[in-house]
Amino acid sequence: MEPKSHATPDFHSNRFSEATPPMLKHRLLHPEISEILARAGHHAKVLIADGNYPASTALGPNARLVSLNLAPGIVTVSQVLETLLTAIPVDAINTMGIPADDPYALKDDPEVWADYRRIVSASGLSLELTPIDKWQFYEAVASRDHVLTIQTADQHLWANVLLTLGCRTD
């Protein structure tokens, strides 16, 4: 029996040959986010915060803040959501409900929510976006189950997403 050959990566093009499988089976590369998610369990909550969310002052007692807000619009909640859904099981996806009397209230769902629905569907999940009251959203983030806030620089209003982690069954 011949030993299995392993292709050598071409470090100049940052690509591996088809014979070399990737080490990670998902798109998430950020080491701190990966560490936190690896330690999280069922029912843990992960907030992907937009650029307006008070992330530094609205953390649960067990949560860590990872700031990915490089410049306005870089990175977005959609980009983070799409990446996280390749790496973790999710049981629920909540958005921040919009109070009718809020000075930034919209008549309809924010346009970015349609993007979230597309991302969730493309990931193979059959979950609905479920808005929860703005102040209940803040309470959920302040809970002991909240393990991570990823602060983005997303400029969309009402773009915050709260994920509830599921169980790995494979």
N, C-alpha and C. Protein backbone atom coordinates (compact mmCIF):
# COMPACT_ATOMS: atom_id res chain seq x y z
N MET A 1 0.83 -1.16 0.00
CA MET A 1 0.00 0.00 0.00
C MET A 1 0.89 1.24 0.00
N GLU A 2 0.60 2.14 -0.92
CA GLU A 2 1.39 3.36 -1.02
C GLU A 2 0.89 4.38 -0.02
N PRO A 3 1.81 5.14 0.56
CA PRO A 3 1.37 6.18 1.49
C PRO A 3 0.56 7.24 0.75
N LYS A 4 -0.39 7.80 1.46
CA LYS A 4 -1.23 8.85 0.89
C LYS A 4 -0.38 10.09 0.67
N SER A 5 -0.43 10.64 -0.51
CA SER A 5 0.36 11.84 -0.78
C SER A 5 -0.45 13.07 -0.35
N HIS A 6 0.24 14.01 0.17
CA HIS A 6 -0.39 15.27 0.58
C HIS A 6 0.18 16.37 -0.30
N ALA A 7 -0.71 17.13 -0.86
CA ALA A 7 -0.28 18.23 -1.72
C ALA A 7 0.34 19.33 -0.86
N THR A 8 1.22 20.06 -1.45
CA THR A 8 1.86 21.17 -0.77
C THR A 8 1.11 22.44 -1.14
N PRO A 9 0.81 23.25 -0.15
CA PRO A 9 0.12 24.49 -0.48
C PRO A 9 1.02 25.42 -1.26
N ASP A 10 0.42 26.16 -2.14
CA ASP A 10 1.14 27.20 -2.88
C ASP A 10 0.96 28.49 -2.08
N PHE A 11 1.94 28.83 -1.26
CA PHE A 11 1.79 29.96 -0.36
C PHE A 11 1.75 31.30 -1.09
N HIS A 12 2.22 31.32 -2.32
CA HIS A 12 2.18 32.57 -3.08
C HIS A 12 0.77 32.89 -3.55
N SER A 13 0.00 31.87 -3.88
CA SER A 13 -1.36 32.13 -4.33
C SER A 13 -2.37 31.93 -3.20
N ASN A 14 -1.91 31.44 -2.03
CA ASN A 14 -2.77 31.19 -0.88
C ASN A 14 -3.85 30.16 -1.20
N ARG A 15 -3.51 29.17 -2.02
CA ARG A 15 -4.46 28.12 -2.40
C ARG A 15 -3.82 26.76 -2.20
N PHE A 16 -4.67 25.82 -1.90
CA PHE A 16 -4.23 24.44 -1.79
C PHE A 16 -4.73 23.70 -3.01
N SER A 17 -4.06 22.64 -3.36
CA SER A 17 -4.55 21.83 -4.47
C SER A 17 -5.80 21.09 -4.01
N GLU A 18 -6.54 20.54 -4.95
CA GLU A 18 -7.77 19.83 -4.63
C GLU A 18 -7.50 18.60 -3.76
N ALA A 19 -6.29 18.07 -3.79
CA ALA A 19 -5.97 16.88 -3.00
C ALA A 19 -5.80 17.20 -1.52
N THR A 20 -5.67 18.47 -1.17
CA THR A 20 -5.46 18.85 0.22
C THR A 20 -6.75 19.44 0.79
N PRO A 21 -7.37 18.72 1.71
CA PRO A 21 -8.59 19.28 2.30
C PRO A 21 -8.23 20.41 3.26
N PRO A 22 -9.13 21.37 3.42
CA PRO A 22 -8.85 22.45 4.35
C PRO A 22 -8.89 21.94 5.79
N MET A 23 -8.13 22.58 6.66
CA MET A 23 -8.11 22.19 8.07
C MET A 23 -9.46 22.47 8.71
N LEU A 24 -9.99 23.66 8.49
CA LEU A 24 -11.29 24.03 9.04
C LEU A 24 -12.38 23.73 8.03
N LYS A 25 -13.53 23.35 8.51
CA LYS A 25 -14.62 23.01 7.61
C LYS A 25 -15.66 24.12 7.56
N HIS A 26 -15.28 25.28 7.98
CA HIS A 26 -16.17 26.44 7.93
C HIS A 26 -15.35 27.66 7.54
N ARG A 27 -16.00 28.81 7.43
CA ARG A 27 -15.32 30.01 6.94
C ARG A 27 -14.75 30.89 8.05
N LEU A 28 -15.10 30.61 9.30
CA LEU A 28 -14.66 31.45 10.41
C LEU A 28 -13.18 31.25 10.68
N LEU A 29 -12.41 32.33 10.63
CA LEU A 29 -10.97 32.27 10.86
C LEU A 29 -10.52 33.03 12.11
N HIS A 30 -11.33 33.92 12.62
CA HIS A 30 -10.93 34.79 13.73
C HIS A 30 -10.66 33.95 14.98
N PRO A 31 -9.42 33.97 15.49
CA PRO A 31 -9.08 33.07 16.59
C PRO A 31 -9.84 33.33 17.89
N GLU A 32 -10.04 34.58 18.25
CA GLU A 32 -10.74 34.86 19.51
C GLU A 32 -12.21 34.48 19.42
N ILE A 33 -12.85 34.79 18.30
CA ILE A 33 -14.25 34.41 18.12
C ILE A 33 -14.37 32.89 18.12
N SER A 34 -13.46 32.21 17.45
CA SER A 34 -13.48 30.74 17.42
C SER A 34 -13.35 30.16 18.82
N GLU A 35 -12.45 30.72 19.61
CA GLU A 35 -12.24 30.23 20.98
C GLU A 35 -13.51 30.39 21.82
N ILE A 36 -14.12 31.55 21.76
CA ILE A 36 -15.32 31.81 22.55
C ILE A 36 -16.45 30.88 22.13
N LEU A 37 -16.64 30.72 20.83
CA LEU A 37 -17.71 29.85 20.34
C LEU A 37 -17.45 28.39 20.71
N ALA A 38 -16.19 27.97 20.70
CA ALA A 38 -15.86 26.59 21.05
C ALA A 38 -16.18 26.31 22.51
N ARG A 39 -16.12 27.31 23.36
CA ARG A 39 -16.42 27.13 24.78
C ARG A 39 -17.91 27.30 25.09
N ALA A 40 -18.65 27.89 24.16
CA ALA A 40 -20.08 28.15 24.39
C ALA A 40 -20.87 26.85 24.32
N GLY A 41 -22.00 26.85 24.95
CA GLY A 41 -22.85 25.67 24.93
C GLY A 41 -24.25 25.99 24.44
N HIS A 42 -25.10 24.99 24.51
CA HIS A 42 -26.49 25.12 24.11
C HIS A 42 -27.13 26.27 24.89
N HIS A 43 -27.88 27.08 24.21
CA HIS A 43 -28.60 28.26 24.73
C HIS A 43 -27.71 29.49 24.90
N ALA A 44 -26.41 29.37 24.65
CA ALA A 44 -25.56 30.55 24.73
C ALA A 44 -26.02 31.57 23.69
N LYS A 45 -25.83 32.83 24.00
CA LYS A 45 -26.27 33.90 23.11
C LYS A 45 -25.07 34.67 22.56
N VAL A 46 -25.16 34.94 21.25
CA VAL A 46 -24.12 35.70 20.55
C VAL A 46 -24.80 36.88 19.86
N LEU A 47 -24.35 38.07 20.21
CA LEU A 47 -24.88 39.28 19.59
C LEU A 47 -23.95 39.73 18.47
N ILE A 48 -24.53 39.93 17.30
CA ILE A 48 -23.82 40.60 16.21
C ILE A 48 -24.40 42.01 16.19
N ALA A 49 -23.62 42.97 16.65
CA ALA A 49 -24.11 44.33 16.87
C ALA A 49 -23.79 45.24 15.70
N ASP A 50 -24.73 46.12 15.40
CA ASP A 50 -24.48 47.13 14.37
C ASP A 50 -23.60 48.24 14.95
N GLY A 51 -23.25 49.19 14.12
CA GLY A 51 -22.34 50.25 14.53
C GLY A 51 -22.92 51.22 15.54
N ASN A 52 -24.23 51.19 15.75
CA ASN A 52 -24.86 52.10 16.71
C ASN A 52 -25.09 51.48 18.08
N TYR A 53 -24.92 50.17 18.19
CA TYR A 53 -25.22 49.48 19.44
C TYR A 53 -24.18 49.84 20.51
N PRO A 54 -24.61 50.07 21.76
CA PRO A 54 -23.66 50.42 22.83
C PRO A 54 -22.92 49.18 23.36
N ALA A 55 -22.12 48.58 22.52
CA ALA A 55 -21.52 47.28 22.82
C ALA A 55 -20.60 47.29 24.03
N SER A 56 -19.90 48.37 24.27
CA SER A 56 -18.94 48.37 25.39
C SER A 56 -19.63 48.48 26.74
N THR A 57 -20.87 48.95 26.78
CA THR A 57 -21.57 49.11 28.06
C THR A 57 -22.75 48.15 28.22
N ALA A 58 -23.09 47.41 27.19
CA ALA A 58 -24.24 46.50 27.24
C ALA A 58 -23.77 45.07 27.03
N LEU A 59 -23.01 44.56 28.00
CA LEU A 59 -22.48 43.20 27.93
C LEU A 59 -23.03 42.38 29.10
N GLY A 60 -23.30 41.12 28.83
CA GLY A 60 -23.66 40.21 29.90
C GLY A 60 -22.45 39.96 30.78
N PRO A 61 -22.65 39.43 32.00
CA PRO A 61 -21.54 39.22 32.93
C PRO A 61 -20.51 38.20 32.45
N ASN A 62 -20.88 37.32 31.52
CA ASN A 62 -19.97 36.30 31.01
C ASN A 62 -19.52 36.56 29.58
N ALA A 63 -19.87 37.73 29.06
CA ALA A 63 -19.64 38.01 27.64
C ALA A 63 -18.30 38.70 27.40
N ARG A 64 -17.79 38.45 26.22
CA ARG A 64 -16.60 39.14 25.74
C ARG A 64 -16.99 39.95 24.50
N LEU A 65 -16.31 41.06 24.33
CA LEU A 65 -16.54 41.95 23.20
C LEU A 65 -15.38 41.80 22.22
N VAL A 66 -15.73 41.55 20.95
CA VAL A 66 -14.74 41.53 19.88
C VAL A 66 -15.16 42.63 18.90
N SER A 67 -14.29 43.60 18.72
CA SER A 67 -14.60 44.74 17.85
C SER A 67 -14.06 44.48 16.45
N LEU A 68 -14.97 44.43 15.50
CA LEU A 68 -14.59 44.27 14.09
C LEU A 68 -14.95 45.52 13.30
N ASN A 69 -15.14 46.63 13.98
CA ASN A 69 -15.55 47.87 13.33
C ASN A 69 -14.34 48.66 12.86
N LEU A 70 -13.90 48.33 11.65
CA LEU A 70 -12.70 48.92 11.08
C LEU A 70 -12.94 50.34 10.55
N ALA A 71 -14.03 50.50 9.80
CA ALA A 71 -14.41 51.78 9.22
C ALA A 71 -15.91 51.70 8.96
N PRO A 72 -16.61 52.83 8.82
CA PRO A 72 -18.05 52.75 8.59
C PRO A 72 -18.40 51.76 7.46
N GLY A 73 -19.23 50.79 7.81
CA GLY A 73 -19.66 49.80 6.83
C GLY A 73 -18.73 48.60 6.68
N ILE A 74 -17.60 48.60 7.37
CA ILE A 74 -16.63 47.50 7.25
C ILE A 74 -16.36 46.97 8.66
N VAL A 75 -16.82 45.87 9.01
CA VAL A 75 -17.61 44.83 8.38
C VAL A 75 -19.08 45.03 8.74
N THR A 76 -19.94 44.24 8.08
CA THR A 76 -21.37 44.37 8.33
C THR A 76 -21.89 43.19 9.13
N VAL A 77 -23.07 43.37 9.69
CA VAL A 77 -23.74 42.28 10.41
C VAL A 77 -23.99 41.13 9.45
N SER A 78 -24.40 41.41 8.22
CA SER A 78 -24.66 40.35 7.23
C SER A 78 -23.42 39.50 6.99
N GLN A 79 -22.27 40.12 6.86
CA GLN A 79 -21.03 39.38 6.63
C GLN A 79 -20.70 38.48 7.81
N VAL A 80 -20.87 38.98 9.01
CA VAL A 80 -20.58 38.18 10.20
C VAL A 80 -21.60 37.06 10.34
N LEU A 81 -22.88 37.35 10.13
CA LEU A 81 -23.93 36.33 10.22
C LEU A 81 -23.65 35.19 9.24
N GLU A 82 -23.35 35.54 8.01
CA GLU A 82 -23.08 34.52 6.98
C GLU A 82 -21.91 33.63 7.40
N THR A 83 -20.88 34.22 7.96
CA THR A 83 -19.71 33.46 8.38
C THR A 83 -20.01 32.59 9.59
N LEU A 84 -20.67 33.15 10.60
CA LEU A 84 -20.97 32.37 11.81
C LEU A 84 -21.85 31.17 11.51
N LEU A 85 -22.79 31.33 10.60
CA LEU A 85 -23.71 30.21 10.30
C LEU A 85 -23.00 29.03 9.65
N THR A 86 -21.76 29.23 9.19
CA THR A 86 -20.98 28.10 8.67
C THR A 86 -20.29 27.34 9.80
N ALA A 87 -20.25 27.94 11.00
CA ALA A 87 -19.43 27.40 12.07
C ALA A 87 -20.19 26.88 13.28
N ILE A 88 -21.42 27.35 13.49
CA ILE A 88 -22.13 27.00 14.73
C ILE A 88 -23.57 26.58 14.46
N PRO A 89 -24.11 25.70 15.32
CA PRO A 89 -25.53 25.38 15.23
C PRO A 89 -26.34 26.50 15.89
N VAL A 90 -27.46 26.85 15.30
CA VAL A 90 -28.28 27.95 15.82
C VAL A 90 -29.71 27.47 15.98
N ASP A 91 -30.28 27.74 17.16
CA ASP A 91 -31.68 27.39 17.44
C ASP A 91 -32.64 28.54 17.21
N ALA A 92 -32.17 29.79 17.39
CA ALA A 92 -33.06 30.95 17.25
C ALA A 92 -32.25 32.15 16.79
N ILE A 93 -32.95 33.01 16.02
CA ILE A 93 -32.35 34.25 15.54
C ILE A 93 -33.33 35.38 15.85
N ASN A 94 -32.89 36.29 16.73
CA ASN A 94 -33.73 37.42 17.11
C ASN A 94 -33.17 38.72 16.57
N THR A 95 -34.07 39.58 16.18
CA THR A 95 -33.73 40.94 15.82
C THR A 95 -34.31 41.86 16.89
N MET A 96 -33.83 43.07 16.93
CA MET A 96 -34.35 44.03 17.90
C MET A 96 -35.64 44.63 17.35
N GLY A 97 -36.73 44.41 18.10
CA GLY A 97 -38.01 44.97 17.70
C GLY A 97 -37.97 46.49 17.74
N ILE A 98 -38.75 47.09 16.89
CA ILE A 98 -38.72 48.54 16.74
C ILE A 98 -39.95 49.15 17.40
N PRO A 99 -39.79 49.87 18.50
CA PRO A 99 -40.93 50.52 19.14
C PRO A 99 -41.53 51.58 18.21
N ALA A 100 -42.85 51.62 18.14
CA ALA A 100 -43.53 52.57 17.25
C ALA A 100 -43.19 54.02 17.60
N ASP A 101 -42.92 54.29 18.87
CA ASP A 101 -42.65 55.66 19.30
C ASP A 101 -41.16 56.02 19.27
N ASP A 102 -40.32 55.11 18.77
CA ASP A 102 -38.90 55.38 18.69
C ASP A 102 -38.64 56.44 17.62
N PRO A 103 -37.74 57.39 17.89
CA PRO A 103 -37.47 58.43 16.89
C PRO A 103 -36.88 57.87 15.58
N TYR A 104 -36.35 56.65 15.61
CA TYR A 104 -35.78 56.04 14.41
C TYR A 104 -36.65 54.91 13.89
N ALA A 105 -37.91 54.87 14.31
CA ALA A 105 -38.82 53.80 13.89
C ALA A 105 -39.05 53.86 12.38
N LEU A 106 -39.25 52.68 11.81
CA LEU A 106 -39.54 52.54 10.39
C LEU A 106 -40.97 52.03 10.23
N LYS A 107 -41.56 52.27 9.06
CA LYS A 107 -42.92 51.78 8.82
C LYS A 107 -42.95 50.28 8.60
N ASP A 108 -41.90 49.75 7.98
CA ASP A 108 -41.81 48.33 7.66
C ASP A 108 -40.53 47.76 8.27
N ASP A 109 -40.34 46.44 8.07
CA ASP A 109 -39.09 45.83 8.50
C ASP A 109 -37.92 46.54 7.81
N PRO A 110 -36.82 46.68 8.51
CA PRO A 110 -35.63 47.24 7.87
C PRO A 110 -35.22 46.39 6.65
N GLU A 111 -34.75 47.04 5.61
CA GLU A 111 -34.36 46.33 4.39
C GLU A 111 -33.31 45.25 4.66
N VAL A 112 -32.43 45.50 5.62
CA VAL A 112 -31.35 44.54 5.89
C VAL A 112 -31.91 43.21 6.41
N TRP A 113 -33.09 43.20 7.00
CA TRP A 113 -33.68 41.95 7.48
C TRP A 113 -33.95 40.99 6.33
N ALA A 114 -34.28 41.51 5.16
CA ALA A 114 -34.46 40.65 3.98
C ALA A 114 -33.15 39.95 3.63
N ASP A 115 -32.05 40.66 3.78
CA ASP A 115 -30.73 40.07 3.55
C ASP A 115 -30.47 38.95 4.56
N TYR A 116 -30.82 39.18 5.82
CA TYR A 116 -30.65 38.15 6.84
C TYR A 116 -31.47 36.90 6.50
N ARG A 117 -32.70 37.12 6.06
CA ARG A 117 -33.55 35.97 5.69
C ARG A 117 -32.92 35.17 4.55
N ARG A 118 -32.34 35.87 3.59
CA ARG A 118 -31.68 35.19 2.46
C ARG A 118 -30.47 34.39 2.96
N ILE A 119 -29.68 34.98 3.85
CA ILE A 119 -28.50 34.32 4.39
C ILE A 119 -28.89 33.07 5.18
N VAL A 120 -29.90 33.19 6.01
CA VAL A 120 -30.36 32.06 6.82
C VAL A 120 -30.85 30.94 5.91
N SER A 121 -31.64 31.28 4.91
CA SER A 121 -32.15 30.28 3.97
C SER A 121 -31.01 29.61 3.21
N ALA A 122 -30.06 30.39 2.75
CA ALA A 122 -28.92 29.85 1.99
C ALA A 122 -28.05 28.94 2.85
N SER A 123 -28.08 29.15 4.16
CA SER A 123 -27.28 28.30 5.06
C SER A 123 -27.94 26.95 5.31
N GLY A 124 -29.18 26.80 4.83
CA GLY A 124 -29.90 25.54 5.02
C GLY A 124 -30.73 25.48 6.28
N LEU A 125 -30.75 26.56 7.04
CA LEU A 125 -31.57 26.59 8.26
C LEU A 125 -33.01 26.94 7.92
N SER A 126 -33.92 26.40 8.66
CA SER A 126 -35.34 26.74 8.47
C SER A 126 -35.81 27.53 9.68
N LEU A 127 -35.11 28.62 9.96
CA LEU A 127 -35.44 29.48 11.10
C LEU A 127 -36.02 30.80 10.61
N GLU A 128 -36.89 31.36 11.41
CA GLU A 128 -37.46 32.67 11.13
C GLU A 128 -36.71 33.72 11.95
N LEU A 129 -36.63 34.93 11.42
CA LEU A 129 -36.16 36.05 12.23
C LEU A 129 -37.30 36.41 13.16
N THR A 130 -37.02 36.47 14.43
CA THR A 130 -38.05 36.79 15.41
C THR A 130 -37.68 38.07 16.13
N PRO A 131 -38.39 39.16 15.84
CA PRO A 131 -38.11 40.40 16.58
C PRO A 131 -38.57 40.26 18.03
N ILE A 132 -37.77 40.77 18.95
CA ILE A 132 -38.20 40.87 20.34
C ILE A 132 -38.13 42.34 20.74
N ASP A 133 -38.98 42.72 21.65
CA ASP A 133 -39.06 44.10 22.12
C ASP A 133 -37.66 44.65 22.40
N LYS A 134 -37.44 45.89 22.02
CA LYS A 134 -36.13 46.52 22.16
C LYS A 134 -35.55 46.35 23.57
N TRP A 135 -36.37 46.59 24.59
CA TRP A 135 -35.86 46.53 25.96
C TRP A 135 -35.67 45.09 26.42
N GLN A 136 -36.47 44.15 25.91
CA GLN A 136 -36.24 42.73 26.19
C GLN A 136 -34.98 42.24 25.48
N PHE A 137 -34.69 42.81 24.32
CA PHE A 137 -33.47 42.50 23.60
C PHE A 137 -32.26 42.88 24.46
N TYR A 138 -32.29 44.10 25.01
CA TYR A 138 -31.20 44.54 25.89
C TYR A 138 -31.08 43.62 27.11
N GLU A 139 -32.21 43.19 27.67
CA GLU A 139 -32.18 42.27 28.81
C GLU A 139 -31.57 40.92 28.42
N ALA A 140 -31.91 40.42 27.24
CA ALA A 140 -31.34 39.15 26.77
C ALA A 140 -29.83 39.25 26.63
N VAL A 141 -29.36 40.39 26.16
CA VAL A 141 -27.92 40.60 26.00
C VAL A 141 -27.25 40.74 27.38
N ALA A 142 -27.97 41.25 28.35
CA ALA A 142 -27.41 41.40 29.70
C ALA A 142 -27.43 40.10 30.50
N SER A 143 -28.00 39.04 29.95
CA SER A 143 -28.15 37.78 30.69
C SER A 143 -26.82 37.04 30.84
N ARG A 144 -26.80 36.08 31.75
CA ARG A 144 -25.60 35.26 31.97
C ARG A 144 -25.34 34.34 30.79
N ASP A 145 -26.34 34.11 29.92
CA ASP A 145 -26.17 33.26 28.74
C ASP A 145 -25.44 33.95 27.60
N HIS A 146 -25.31 35.26 27.69
CA HIS A 146 -24.64 36.03 26.63
C HIS A 146 -23.13 35.81 26.75
N VAL A 147 -22.52 35.23 25.71
CA VAL A 147 -21.09 34.90 25.77
C VAL A 147 -20.22 35.79 24.87
N LEU A 148 -20.84 36.41 23.86
CA LEU A 148 -20.03 37.13 22.88
C LEU A 148 -20.84 38.22 22.21
N THR A 149 -20.23 39.40 22.11
CA THR A 149 -20.74 40.46 21.23
C THR A 149 -19.67 40.71 20.18
N ILE A 150 -20.08 40.66 18.93
CA ILE A 150 -19.21 41.02 17.82
C ILE A 150 -19.70 42.39 17.34
N GLN A 151 -18.91 43.41 17.60
CA GLN A 151 -19.27 44.78 17.20
C GLN A 151 -18.84 45.00 15.76
N THR A 152 -19.80 45.30 14.90
CA THR A 152 -19.49 45.60 13.51
C THR A 152 -19.56 47.11 13.31
N ALA A 153 -19.33 47.53 12.10
CA ALA A 153 -19.47 48.94 11.74
C ALA A 153 -20.65 49.12 10.79
N ASP A 154 -21.61 48.19 10.88
CA ASP A 154 -22.78 48.24 10.01
C ASP A 154 -23.55 49.53 10.24
N GLN A 155 -23.87 50.23 9.19
CA GLN A 155 -24.55 51.51 9.28
C GLN A 155 -26.07 51.41 9.18
N HIS A 156 -26.59 50.22 8.89
CA HIS A 156 -28.05 50.06 8.84
C HIS A 156 -28.65 50.25 10.22
N LEU A 157 -29.80 50.89 10.27
CA LEU A 157 -30.52 50.99 11.53
C LEU A 157 -31.21 49.67 11.81
N TRP A 158 -31.31 49.30 13.08
CA TRP A 158 -32.00 48.09 13.52
C TRP A 158 -31.38 46.83 12.92
N ALA A 159 -30.07 46.81 12.83
CA ALA A 159 -29.37 45.69 12.19
C ALA A 159 -28.87 44.64 13.18
N ASN A 160 -29.09 44.82 14.47
CA ASN A 160 -28.59 43.89 15.47
C ASN A 160 -29.25 42.52 15.35
N VAL A 161 -28.45 41.47 15.55
CA VAL A 161 -28.94 40.09 15.49
C VAL A 161 -28.44 39.36 16.73
N LEU A 162 -29.35 38.67 17.41
CA LEU A 162 -29.00 37.87 18.58
C LEU A 162 -29.24 36.40 18.26
N LEU A 163 -28.16 35.64 18.25
CA LEU A 163 -28.23 34.21 17.95
C LEU A 163 -28.27 33.41 19.25
N THR A 164 -29.12 32.39 19.27
CA THR A 164 -29.14 31.43 20.37
C THR A 164 -28.55 30.13 19.82
N LEU A 165 -27.46 29.68 20.43
CA LEU A 165 -26.77 28.51 19.93
C LEU A 165 -27.55 27.24 20.20
N GLY A 166 -27.45 26.32 19.25
CA GLY A 166 -28.11 25.03 19.36
C GLY A 166 -27.13 23.97 19.80
N CYS A 167 -27.51 22.72 19.55
CA CYS A 167 -26.68 21.56 19.89
C CYS A 167 -26.05 21.01 18.63
N ARG A 168 -24.84 20.59 18.75
CA ARG A 168 -24.18 19.87 17.65
C ARG A 168 -24.63 18.42 17.72
N THR A 169 -25.17 17.92 16.63
CA THR A 169 -25.72 16.56 16.64
C THR A 169 -24.99 15.62 15.69
N ASP A 170 -23.89 16.05 15.10
CA ASP A 170 -23.16 15.17 14.20
C ASP A 170 -21.88 14.68 14.80
